Amino acid sequence: MKTRTRAIVTSIVLALLVAAPAMAKPGDYAKVGDGDWRNTTLMAGLDGALWLIDDGTLYRVDKTGKYTEVGDGDWRNTTLMAGLDGALWLIDDGTLYKVNTK
């Protein structure tokens, strides 16, 4: 094998060996953000974010774990939540609500 080809192959093999531990495998997991979500009752995905109801408060959580409180509703009695067409749909105390997320 020529020296140049050998150097290229060696570089590729080394790169793969270094990158292998960093590559995620099915079942791998990592903590995201620093929120305390132990009182979360519902979660839905919509428009690239997670929407959570925690202790009756609605939050938007981005992919880094940064979270923002949304609105001033009390959602303690919400039993279902789904994202559809850019809005959240919630059932709270037997009533259907459409929540604007923009």
Protein backbone atom coordinates (compact mmCIF):
# COMPACT_ATOMS: atom_id res chain seq x y z
CA MET A 1 0.00 0.00 0.00
CA LYS A 2 1.37 3.40 -0.89
CA THR A 3 2.38 5.69 1.96
CA ARG A 4 -0.25 8.33 1.14
CA THR A 5 -3.06 5.76 0.94
CA ARG A 6 -1.89 4.15 4.18
CA ALA A 7 -1.93 7.57 5.89
CA ILE A 8 -5.48 8.25 4.69
CA VAL A 9 -6.73 4.84 5.83
CA THR A 10 -5.01 5.28 9.20
CA SER A 11 -6.61 8.71 9.63
CA ILE A 12 -10.07 7.34 8.84
CA VAL A 13 -9.67 4.40 11.24
CA LEU A 14 -8.45 6.70 14.03
CA ALA A 15 -11.33 9.11 13.42
CA LEU A 16 -13.84 6.26 13.66
CA LEU A 17 -12.26 4.93 16.85
CA VAL A 18 -12.36 8.36 18.47
CA ALA A 19 -15.92 9.07 17.31
CA ALA A 20 -17.36 5.64 18.22
CA PRO A 21 -17.90 6.35 21.94
CA ALA A 22 -19.60 9.66 21.12
CA MET A 23 -22.10 8.09 18.73
CA ALA A 24 -25.50 7.49 20.33
CA LYS A 25 -26.87 3.97 20.33
CA PRO A 26 -30.48 2.93 20.82
CA GLY A 27 -31.26 3.10 24.52
CA ASP A 28 -28.56 5.66 25.35
CA TYR A 29 -29.79 8.65 27.32
CA ALA A 30 -28.53 11.93 28.77
CA LYS A 31 -29.93 14.54 31.16
CA VAL A 32 -31.21 17.62 29.32
CA GLY A 33 -31.35 21.01 31.04
CA ASP A 34 -31.66 21.70 34.74
CA GLY A 35 -35.42 21.76 35.26
CA ASP A 36 -37.13 19.83 38.04
CA TRP A 37 -40.04 18.11 36.30
CA ARG A 38 -41.13 15.68 39.02
CA ASN A 39 -44.65 17.20 39.10
CA THR A 40 -45.16 16.94 35.34
CA THR A 41 -48.47 15.32 34.47
CA LEU A 42 -48.62 15.78 30.68
CA MET A 43 -46.23 16.33 27.79
CA ALA A 44 -46.69 16.88 24.04
CA GLY A 45 -44.36 17.67 21.15
CA LEU A 46 -45.20 20.56 18.81
CA ASP A 47 -43.17 22.73 16.43
CA GLY A 48 -39.77 21.44 17.58
CA ALA A 49 -40.42 21.89 21.30
CA LEU A 50 -41.88 19.97 24.20
CA TRP A 51 -44.90 21.38 26.00
CA LEU A 52 -45.33 20.28 29.60
CA ILE A 53 -47.87 20.82 32.32
CA ASP A 54 -46.06 20.81 35.62
CA ASP A 55 -47.90 21.60 38.84
CA GLY A 56 -50.72 23.14 36.77
CA THR A 57 -48.44 25.47 34.80
CA LEU A 58 -47.81 25.20 31.05
CA TYR A 59 -44.16 25.31 29.92
CA ARG A 60 -42.39 25.32 26.55
CA VAL A 61 -39.09 23.40 26.67
CA ASP A 62 -36.56 23.62 23.83
CA LYS A 63 -34.09 20.93 22.74
CA THR A 64 -31.44 22.23 25.16
CA GLY A 65 -33.79 22.00 28.15
CA LYS A 66 -34.32 25.76 28.42
CA TYR A 67 -37.89 26.33 29.57
CA THR A 68 -40.36 29.21 29.54
CA GLU A 69 -43.66 29.54 31.37
CA VAL A 70 -46.49 30.09 28.89
CA GLY A 71 -49.68 31.98 29.69
CA ASP A 72 -51.33 32.29 33.06
CA GLY A 73 -53.79 29.40 32.96
CA ASP A 74 -54.25 26.90 35.74
CA TRP A 75 -54.09 23.48 34.09
CA ARG A 76 -54.16 21.30 37.23
CA ASN A 77 -57.27 19.46 36.02
CA THR A 78 -55.99 18.79 32.49
CA THR A 79 -56.26 15.13 31.59
CA LEU A 80 -55.24 15.13 27.90
CA MET A 81 -52.98 17.28 25.73
CA ALA A 82 -52.00 17.08 22.05
CA GLY A 83 -50.27 19.30 19.50
CA LEU A 84 -52.04 19.86 16.17
CA ASP A 85 -51.72 22.52 13.45
CA GLY A 86 -49.54 24.86 15.52
CA ALA A 87 -51.74 24.81 18.63
CA LEU A 88 -52.06 22.79 21.80
CA TRP A 89 -55.37 21.08 22.45
CA LEU A 90 -56.20 20.32 26.07
CA ILE A 91 -59.05 18.70 27.92
CA ASP A 92 -59.40 20.41 31.31
CA ASP A 93 -62.33 19.69 33.61
CA GLY A 94 -64.14 18.05 30.69
CA THR A 95 -63.81 21.13 28.43
CA LEU A 96 -61.77 21.24 25.22
CA TYR A 97 -59.36 24.21 24.92
CA LYS A 98 -57.24 25.35 22.01
CA VAL A 99 -54.10 27.12 23.28
CA ASN A 100 -52.22 29.49 20.97
CA THR A 101 -48.49 28.69 21.07
CA LYS A 102 -47.16 31.57 18.97
